[in-house]
Amino acid sequence: MKKQEFFSLPFTAAYFEILIAQLKETFKKKHGIKEIPKSMQFYGYGNYDPEKPNLKEDLEHIGSDFINGKYLYDKVRDFRKGKPIIKINQYYKSVLLLYLGYDSVDSFLDENRLEESKEKKQLALLYDEQANKTFYYINYYYGEDDVILKGETIISNNWKKIKHTYVYPQEDGTNKEHYNFGNIVRREDTLHINSKTLLDGKLVEGASEIYYIGHTDPSNVRYLIGTYCTFDIYTNTVAGQSILERCDSKEDMEERSKNPTIPPYIAMEVRSKRIVNKSIVPKHFLEISEASPYASIYESLAGSYMLTFYFPNGFEEKLYFKILPTNYRMIVQTENVYFEKDNLDLLNKGSVVHFSFNFAGIIAFDHVDIYFKTYFLKDDSERHDGVFSGIDNENRLVNGSVSIDFTKSEH
């Protein structure tokens, strides 16, 4: 029989009553007071005075996360209503026990012995036959050869062990499989996974993954969204987004992993979310990538811009922004306009500049892509034309010509 290391700590009513009593006594001793304040002030929620003693502030000094005083009050209210089992989540469990001077729930139970029947009820919540329950997931990610791939993920040993089976469809219709074996460590609201992969009959260091899980019991989670960092089948170092989708059983997982169809709600999330670093060791900055020889052109993009958009119906729109010479950040200078998302890159061996903007505020566009020849970067250039296409603020597809007035930044 193994201990069930719950990510939430379940208390019987009897032990929860002891916990609350000790919280109040510890609070009074800490602050040198004889009476506990009213609930709102004591737990630290609602219209409480943060300048006066409150449990919320005490607990926040112990941990690194925000404490919701109303959460603690609600647990006490559940107890007073007669709820037989009270669950405290992972983070609150840790700080409450530390506040009382206990390094674990075991030491809390050892110091607070009750009659045998009550102890058995509490221990039954911490030890059960489900400790080795296994969970099955499908793992989706944007993989080699720019294809969305899926694999099988098995989580066992009460969320401490993980096995990934990555499935690569072959041209002859067969599948090739790669395996990763890893350990899971929970740190507050994230799961950290370090795994090893089977290579030439040996387990070698493989991947690192992080998934956000919040303060919930992972066994109740249907989807996990996170990032990975590893090397691919071509030995390139890669990173990207992965999504784990819960399956009902091992058979369900195996059947779904063999189905080549990728759900649209997965495809729209993971497509192209992958970084690939080629297996090279540059000797010069011009060898970092194929775009490196055009770094001097990229440097010349720093400066102030006035773009004038010409719509087919005769309407004109202007946009002012600048690109900083220090970090190439793009800053909008048109009043009441904000860049929700912006990007710039060089195309066709540095001969074309591509700007991309998502807007908020008072402007004719929601999104626009702009293309210019890099001639406007020459010293004798004052104005040049380009083209744009995008979506206006009435959700219509629009396109037209655009002129650029550019003032180069002084480095």
Protein backbone atom coordinates (compact mmCIF):
# COMPACT_ATOMS: atom_id res chain seq x y z
CA MET A 1 0.00 0.00 0.00
CA LYS A 2 1.56 3.27 -1.15
CA LYS A 3 1.02 6.75 0.09
CA GLN A 4 -1.28 8.78 -2.12
CA GLU A 5 0.70 12.01 -2.65
CA PHE A 6 -2.33 14.15 -3.43
CA PHE A 7 -1.81 17.52 -5.02
CA SER A 8 -4.69 18.55 -2.77
CA LEU A 9 -4.65 17.52 0.86
CA PRO A 10 -7.91 15.98 2.13
CA PHE A 11 -8.78 16.41 5.81
CA THR A 12 -11.50 14.69 7.74
CA ALA A 13 -13.65 17.13 9.69
CA ALA A 14 -11.93 16.05 12.91
CA TYR A 15 -8.45 16.88 11.69
CA PHE A 16 -9.55 20.04 9.88
CA GLU A 17 -10.94 21.29 13.19
CA ILE A 18 -7.50 20.78 14.77
CA LEU A 19 -5.84 22.60 11.86
CA ILE A 20 -8.09 25.65 12.23
CA ALA A 21 -7.66 25.71 16.01
CA GLN A 22 -3.87 25.67 15.63
CA LEU A 23 -3.99 28.39 12.98
CA LYS A 24 -5.83 30.66 15.40
CA GLU A 25 -3.47 29.91 18.28
CA THR A 26 -0.38 30.45 16.12
CA PHE A 27 -1.87 33.70 14.81
CA LYS A 28 -2.54 35.02 18.31
CA LYS A 29 0.97 34.17 19.51
CA LYS A 30 2.59 35.69 16.44
CA HIS A 31 0.79 39.01 16.83
CA GLY A 32 0.59 39.09 20.64
CA ILE A 33 -3.19 39.31 20.79
CA LYS A 34 -5.75 37.54 22.95
CA GLU A 35 -8.74 37.50 20.64
CA ILE A 36 -9.08 36.50 16.99
CA PRO A 37 -10.44 39.36 14.81
CA LYS A 38 -13.68 38.98 12.89
CA SER A 39 -13.56 36.55 9.97
CA MET A 40 -13.04 39.17 7.26
CA GLN A 41 -10.05 40.67 9.05
CA PHE A 42 -8.64 37.37 10.25
CA TYR A 43 -8.63 35.61 6.85
CA GLY A 44 -7.89 38.80 4.90
CA TYR A 45 -10.66 39.26 2.36
CA GLY A 46 -13.31 41.78 1.43
CA ASN A 47 -13.19 45.05 3.33
CA TYR A 48 -10.34 44.12 5.67
CA ASP A 49 -7.58 46.45 6.85
CA PRO A 50 -4.23 45.26 5.42
CA GLU A 51 -2.42 47.39 7.99
CA LYS A 52 -3.79 45.24 10.81
CA PRO A 53 -2.84 41.59 11.51
CA ASN A 54 -4.38 39.14 9.05
CA LEU A 55 -3.67 35.55 8.06
CA LYS A 56 -3.46 36.37 4.35
CA GLU A 57 -0.37 38.54 4.84
CA ASP A 58 1.24 36.03 7.22
CA LEU A 59 0.95 33.25 4.65
CA GLU A 60 2.14 35.42 1.76
CA HIS A 61 5.36 36.07 3.70
CA ILE A 62 5.98 32.31 3.76
CA GLY A 63 5.35 31.51 0.11
CA SER A 64 5.86 33.23 -3.22
CA ASP A 65 2.28 33.25 -4.46
CA PHE A 66 -0.88 35.25 -3.85
CA ILE A 67 -3.14 34.09 -1.00
CA ASN A 68 -6.90 34.36 -1.36
CA GLY A 69 -8.27 34.87 2.15
CA LYS A 70 -11.79 34.11 0.92
CA TYR A 71 -10.60 30.63 -0.12
CA LEU A 72 -9.62 29.82 3.47
CA TYR A 73 -12.82 31.30 4.85
CA ASP A 74 -14.92 29.22 2.44
CA LYS A 75 -13.15 26.04 3.61
CA VAL A 76 -14.01 26.86 7.20
CA ARG A 77 -17.60 27.57 6.22
CA ASP A 78 -17.80 24.15 4.50
CA PHE A 79 -16.57 22.57 7.72
CA ARG A 80 -19.17 24.41 9.81
CA LYS A 81 -21.90 23.27 7.44
CA GLY A 82 -20.98 19.67 8.23
CA LYS A 83 -18.96 18.71 5.17
CA PRO A 84 -17.14 15.45 6.14
CA ILE A 85 -14.01 15.99 3.99
CA ILE A 86 -12.28 19.31 3.39
CA LYS A 87 -9.64 19.51 0.63
CA ILE A 88 -6.88 22.10 0.67
CA ASN A 89 -5.06 22.62 -2.62
CA GLN A 90 -1.35 22.09 -3.22
CA TYR A 91 -0.07 25.59 -2.52
CA TYR A 92 -2.23 26.34 0.50
CA LYS A 93 -1.43 22.93 1.93
CA SER A 94 2.29 23.77 1.90
CA VAL A 95 2.11 27.25 3.42
CA LEU A 96 -0.43 26.31 6.09
CA LEU A 97 1.68 23.45 7.39
CA LEU A 98 4.83 25.60 7.33
CA TYR A 99 3.00 28.37 9.19
CA LEU A 100 2.17 25.87 11.93
CA GLY A 101 5.74 24.57 12.05
CA TYR A 102 5.21 21.22 10.31
CA ASP A 103 7.42 20.07 7.45
CA SER A 104 4.89 17.52 6.21
CA VAL A 105 1.37 16.22 6.74
CA ASP A 106 2.88 13.15 8.44
CA SER A 107 4.43 15.27 11.19
CA PHE A 108 1.10 17.08 11.63
CA LEU A 109 -0.71 13.77 12.13
CA ASP A 110 1.97 12.41 14.44
CA GLU A 111 1.68 15.44 16.71
CA ASN A 112 -2.11 15.33 16.81
CA ARG A 113 -3.20 11.79 17.61
CA LEU A 114 -6.91 11.02 17.85
CA GLU A 115 -8.86 7.89 18.66
CA GLU A 116 -8.19 4.95 16.35
CA SER A 117 -11.38 5.18 14.27
CA LYS A 118 -10.78 8.86 13.45
CA GLU A 119 -7.14 8.25 12.57
CA LYS A 120 -8.13 5.43 10.23
CA LYS A 121 -10.53 7.70 8.38
CA GLN A 122 -7.80 10.29 7.88
CA LEU A 123 -5.20 7.73 6.81
CA ALA A 124 -7.66 6.21 4.35
CA LEU A 125 -7.65 9.54 2.53
CA LEU A 126 -3.86 9.51 2.31
CA TYR A 127 -3.36 5.84 1.50
CA ASP A 128 -5.44 4.04 -1.07
CA GLU A 129 -5.25 1.40 -3.76
CA GLN A 130 -5.48 4.02 -6.52
CA ALA A 131 -1.96 5.29 -5.85
CA ASN A 132 -0.67 3.63 -9.02
CA LYS A 133 -3.51 4.67 -11.28
CA THR A 134 -2.34 5.26 -14.85
CA PHE A 135 -3.49 8.09 -17.12
CA TYR A 136 -3.44 8.04 -20.91
CA TYR A 137 -3.02 11.00 -23.27
CA ILE A 138 -2.50 11.81 -26.93
CA ASN A 139 0.45 14.15 -27.43
CA TYR A 140 0.18 16.66 -30.31
CA TYR A 141 2.99 18.86 -31.63
CA TYR A 142 4.30 20.45 -34.84
CA GLY A 143 7.09 18.12 -35.80
CA GLU A 144 9.70 17.26 -38.36
CA ASP A 145 9.10 18.09 -42.04
CA ASP A 146 6.50 20.71 -41.03
CA VAL A 147 3.81 18.18 -40.19
CA ILE A 148 1.52 18.02 -37.13
CA LEU A 149 2.35 14.75 -35.39
CA LYS A 150 0.78 12.82 -32.55
CA GLY A 151 2.00 10.27 -30.08
CA GLU A 152 1.02 8.30 -27.00
CA THR A 153 1.73 9.56 -23.48
CA ILE A 154 1.35 7.40 -20.38
CA ILE A 155 1.54 8.97 -16.91
CA SER A 156 1.88 6.63 -13.93
CA ASN A 157 3.10 6.27 -10.34
CA ASN A 158 0.77 8.99 -9.13
CA TRP A 159 2.00 11.59 -11.63
CA LYS A 160 5.68 10.93 -11.08
CA LYS A 161 6.58 8.92 -14.20
CA ILE A 162 5.89 9.61 -17.88
CA LYS A 163 6.47 7.73 -21.11
CA HIS A 164 6.13 9.33 -24.54
CA THR A 165 5.83 7.23 -27.68
CA TYR A 166 6.32 9.46 -30.72
CA VAL A 167 4.82 8.00 -33.89
CA TYR A 168 6.30 8.91 -37.30
CA PRO A 169 4.27 7.72 -40.33
CA GLN A 170 6.47 6.32 -43.11
CA GLU A 171 5.96 6.53 -46.86
CA ASP A 172 5.28 2.78 -47.07
CA GLY A 173 2.35 3.11 -44.67
CA THR A 174 4.14 1.79 -41.60
CA ASN A 175 4.97 3.74 -38.44
CA LYS A 176 8.33 4.32 -36.81
CA GLU A 177 8.33 4.91 -33.07
CA HIS A 178 10.66 6.80 -30.74
CA TYR A 179 10.43 6.54 -26.96
CA ASN A 180 11.07 8.99 -24.12
CA PHE A 181 11.02 8.04 -20.44
CA GLY A 182 10.90 10.73 -17.79
CA ASN A 183 10.19 11.98 -14.30
CA ILE A 184 7.57 14.55 -13.36
CA VAL A 185 8.10 17.17 -10.66
CA ARG A 186 5.35 19.57 -9.67
CA ARG A 187 6.42 23.08 -8.67
CA GLU A 188 3.41 25.04 -7.49
CA ASP A 189 1.32 25.57 -10.64
CA THR A 190 3.54 23.87 -13.25
CA LEU A 191 4.66 20.35 -14.13
CA HIS A 192 8.34 19.97 -15.01
CA ILE A 193 9.38 16.91 -17.01
CA ASN A 194 12.90 15.74 -17.76
CA SER A 195 13.11 12.69 -19.95
CA LYS A 196 15.61 10.36 -21.57
CA THR A 197 15.32 8.81 -25.00
CA LEU A 198 16.28 5.34 -26.18
CA LEU A 199 19.19 5.68 -28.62
CA ASP A 200 21.24 2.73 -29.83
CA GLY A 201 19.99 0.65 -26.95
CA LYS A 202 20.94 3.24 -24.31
CA LEU A 203 18.96 5.89 -22.47
CA VAL A 204 20.46 9.32 -23.15
CA GLU A 205 19.33 12.79 -22.09
CA GLY A 206 16.31 13.68 -24.18
CA ALA A 207 13.79 16.45 -23.61
CA SER A 208 12.64 19.03 -21.12
CA GLU A 209 8.97 19.99 -20.89
CA ILE A 210 6.90 22.40 -18.81
CA TYR A 211 3.09 22.35 -18.56
CA TYR A 212 0.85 24.76 -16.72
CA ILE A 213 -1.62 23.04 -14.41
CA GLY A 214 -2.72 25.68 -11.92
CA HIS A 215 -3.61 24.61 -8.40
CA THR A 216 -5.75 21.66 -9.50
CA ASP A 217 -5.47 17.92 -9.06
CA PRO A 218 -3.80 16.75 -12.31
CA SER A 219 -5.92 13.61 -12.44
CA ASN A 220 -8.90 15.84 -13.26
CA VAL A 221 -7.19 17.68 -16.13
CA ARG A 222 -8.43 16.91 -19.65
CA TYR A 223 -5.86 19.04 -21.49
CA LEU A 224 -2.31 20.08 -20.69
CA ILE A 225 -0.71 22.88 -22.73
CA GLY A 226 3.02 23.41 -22.51
CA THR A 227 6.37 23.72 -24.20
CA TYR A 228 9.16 21.29 -25.00
CA CYS A 229 12.87 21.57 -25.74
CA THR A 230 14.64 18.59 -27.29
CA PHE A 231 16.44 17.38 -30.41
CA ASP A 232 14.64 15.98 -33.44
CA ILE A 233 15.28 12.90 -35.58
CA TYR A 234 17.73 14.96 -37.67
CA THR A 235 19.67 15.91 -34.49
CA ASN A 236 18.61 19.56 -34.71
CA THR A 237 17.82 21.24 -31.40
CA VAL A 238 14.13 22.19 -31.41
CA ALA A 239 11.51 23.78 -29.17
CA GLY A 240 7.79 24.32 -29.50
CA GLN A 241 4.30 23.93 -28.12
CA SER A 242 2.70 20.61 -27.24
CA ILE A 243 -0.82 19.73 -26.16
CA LEU A 244 -1.76 16.59 -24.23
CA GLU A 245 -5.36 15.42 -24.60
CA ARG A 246 -6.74 12.93 -22.06
CA CYS A 247 -8.05 9.54 -23.26
CA ASP A 248 -10.62 7.38 -21.52
CA SER A 249 -8.46 4.25 -21.53
CA LYS A 250 -5.34 2.64 -22.94
CA GLU A 251 -7.40 1.16 -25.77
CA ASP A 252 -8.84 4.59 -26.55
CA MET A 253 -5.33 6.08 -26.66
CA GLU A 254 -3.99 3.36 -28.95
CA GLU A 255 -6.93 3.66 -31.34
CA ARG A 256 -6.72 7.46 -31.54
CA SER A 257 -2.93 7.45 -32.02
CA LYS A 258 -3.34 5.29 -35.13
CA ASN A 259 -5.97 7.60 -36.63
CA PRO A 260 -4.14 10.02 -38.99
CA THR A 261 -6.74 12.76 -38.51
CA ILE A 262 -5.68 15.73 -36.39
CA PRO A 263 -8.61 17.49 -34.64
CA PRO A 264 -9.07 21.05 -35.97
CA TYR A 265 -9.05 22.51 -32.44
CA ILE A 266 -5.56 21.05 -32.05
CA ALA A 267 -4.26 21.91 -35.54
CA MET A 268 -5.13 25.60 -35.24
CA GLU A 269 -3.17 25.82 -31.99
CA VAL A 270 0.09 23.95 -32.70
CA ARG A 271 0.62 24.61 -36.43
CA SER A 272 4.02 26.23 -37.06
CA LYS A 273 4.72 26.65 -33.31
CA ARG A 274 8.20 25.22 -33.54
CA ILE A 275 11.74 26.60 -33.45
CA VAL A 276 14.45 24.67 -35.26
CA ASN A 277 18.14 25.42 -34.80
CA LYS A 278 20.34 23.82 -37.41
CA SER A 279 23.21 21.67 -36.20
CA ILE A 280 25.96 24.13 -37.01
CA VAL A 281 28.65 25.96 -35.03
CA PRO A 282 29.13 29.35 -36.73
CA LYS A 283 32.63 30.79 -36.92
CA HIS A 284 31.31 34.22 -37.90
CA PHE A 285 28.05 36.09 -37.34
CA LEU A 286 27.38 35.90 -41.09
CA GLU A 287 27.09 32.12 -40.69
CA ILE A 288 24.38 32.13 -37.99
CA SER A 289 21.64 31.58 -40.59
CA GLU A 290 20.85 32.10 -44.25
CA ALA A 291 19.53 35.57 -43.38
CA SER A 292 22.71 36.70 -41.60
CA PRO A 293 24.39 38.29 -44.67
CA TYR A 294 21.52 40.82 -44.75
CA ALA A 295 22.02 42.06 -41.19
CA SER A 296 23.24 45.45 -42.41
CA ILE A 297 19.93 45.94 -44.22
CA TYR A 298 18.04 44.99 -41.07
CA GLU A 299 20.10 47.52 -39.15
CA SER A 300 19.06 50.21 -41.64
CA LEU A 301 15.38 49.67 -40.81
CA ALA A 302 15.74 51.69 -37.59
CA GLY A 303 14.11 55.07 -37.96
CA SER A 304 10.81 56.95 -38.20
CA TYR A 305 8.06 56.00 -40.63
CA MET A 306 4.96 57.63 -42.07
CA LEU A 307 2.85 55.23 -44.11
CA THR A 308 -0.02 56.46 -46.27
CA PHE A 309 -2.50 53.78 -47.35
CA TYR A 310 -4.50 54.41 -50.54
CA PHE A 311 -7.78 52.52 -50.76
CA PRO A 312 -9.47 51.84 -54.15
CA ASN A 313 -12.44 54.06 -53.16
CA GLY A 314 -10.19 57.06 -52.67
CA PHE A 315 -9.97 56.86 -48.86
CA GLU A 316 -6.57 57.41 -47.27
CA GLU A 317 -5.24 56.30 -43.88
CA LYS A 318 -1.96 57.28 -42.23
CA LEU A 319 0.19 55.40 -39.74
CA TYR A 320 3.17 56.79 -37.86
CA PHE A 321 5.65 54.59 -36.01
CA LYS A 322 9.33 54.19 -35.31
CA ILE A 323 11.81 51.35 -35.01
CA LEU A 324 14.35 51.78 -32.22
CA PRO A 325 18.03 51.37 -33.19
CA THR A 326 18.89 49.66 -29.88
CA ASN A 327 16.56 46.66 -29.84
CA TYR A 328 14.44 47.16 -33.01
CA ARG A 329 11.27 47.51 -31.01
CA MET A 330 8.41 48.97 -33.05
CA ILE A 331 6.57 51.85 -31.35
CA VAL A 332 3.37 53.32 -32.75
CA GLN A 333 3.22 57.12 -32.83
CA THR A 334 -0.26 57.59 -34.23
CA GLU A 335 -2.56 58.90 -31.52
CA ASN A 336 -5.16 56.47 -30.11
CA VAL A 337 -3.61 53.49 -31.91
CA TYR A 338 -1.88 50.49 -30.33
CA PHE A 339 0.09 47.58 -31.81
CA GLU A 340 -1.41 44.38 -30.37
CA LYS A 341 1.12 42.43 -32.40
CA ASP A 342 3.86 43.54 -34.76
CA ASN A 343 6.56 41.94 -36.84
CA LEU A 344 9.12 42.82 -39.47
CA ASP A 345 11.30 40.59 -41.59
CA LEU A 346 13.33 40.60 -44.78
CA LEU A 347 12.29 38.51 -47.76
CA ASN A 348 13.92 37.50 -51.05
CA LYS A 349 17.54 37.83 -49.94
CA GLY A 350 16.97 41.13 -48.22
CA SER A 351 15.33 42.85 -51.19
CA VAL A 352 11.83 43.13 -49.69
CA VAL A 353 10.70 44.42 -46.30
CA HIS A 354 7.57 42.87 -44.77
CA PHE A 355 5.70 44.63 -41.97
CA SER A 356 2.80 42.93 -40.20
CA PHE A 357 0.52 44.66 -37.66
CA ASN A 358 -2.50 43.82 -35.53
CA PHE A 359 -4.16 47.01 -34.32
CA ALA A 360 -6.32 48.25 -31.50
CA GLY A 361 -7.70 51.76 -31.40
CA ILE A 362 -8.94 54.30 -33.90
CA ILE A 363 -7.61 53.21 -37.29
CA ALA A 364 -9.12 51.74 -40.45
CA PHE A 365 -7.44 48.34 -39.99
CA ASP A 366 -7.64 45.40 -37.65
CA HIS A 367 -4.73 43.69 -39.40
CA VAL A 368 -2.46 44.63 -42.31
CA ASP A 369 0.55 43.20 -44.14
CA ILE A 370 2.81 45.63 -45.99
CA TYR A 371 5.51 44.93 -48.57
CA PHE A 372 8.22 47.35 -49.77
CA LYS A 373 11.36 47.08 -51.80
CA THR A 374 14.38 48.00 -49.69
CA TYR A 375 15.27 50.85 -52.05
CA PHE A 376 13.72 53.30 -49.58
CA LEU A 377 16.64 52.63 -47.25
CA LYS A 378 19.09 54.33 -49.60
CA ASP A 379 20.37 57.72 -48.51
CA ASP A 380 18.98 59.54 -51.57
CA SER A 381 15.51 58.04 -51.15
CA GLU A 382 12.67 60.14 -49.76
CA ARG A 383 9.54 58.26 -50.72
CA HIS A 384 8.66 54.92 -52.29
CA ASP A 385 5.54 52.94 -52.91
CA GLY A 386 4.59 49.46 -51.78
CA VAL A 387 1.47 47.34 -51.47
CA PHE A 388 -0.74 46.32 -48.58
CA SER A 389 -3.46 43.78 -47.89
CA GLY A 390 -5.44 43.23 -44.75
CA ILE A 391 -8.72 43.33 -42.86
CA ASP A 392 -10.41 46.62 -42.07
CA ASN A 393 -12.29 47.44 -38.88
CA GLU A 394 -15.57 46.36 -40.49
CA ASN A 395 -14.15 42.89 -41.20
CA ARG A 396 -13.76 43.49 -44.95
CA LEU A 397 -10.81 42.29 -47.02
CA VAL A 398 -8.92 45.29 -48.33
CA ASN A 399 -5.82 45.96 -50.41
CA GLY A 400 -4.12 48.77 -52.22
CA SER A 401 -0.95 50.79 -52.55
CA VAL A 402 1.00 52.44 -49.75
CA SER A 403 3.66 55.13 -49.76
CA ILE A 404 6.44 55.35 -47.22
CA ASP A 405 8.24 58.40 -45.87
CA PHE A 406 11.29 57.25 -43.94
CA THR A 407 13.80 59.07 -41.77
CA LYS A 408 16.78 56.96 -40.87
CA SER A 409 17.73 56.77 -37.21
CA GLU A 410 21.01 58.26 -36.06
CA HIS A 411 22.96 55.48 -34.36
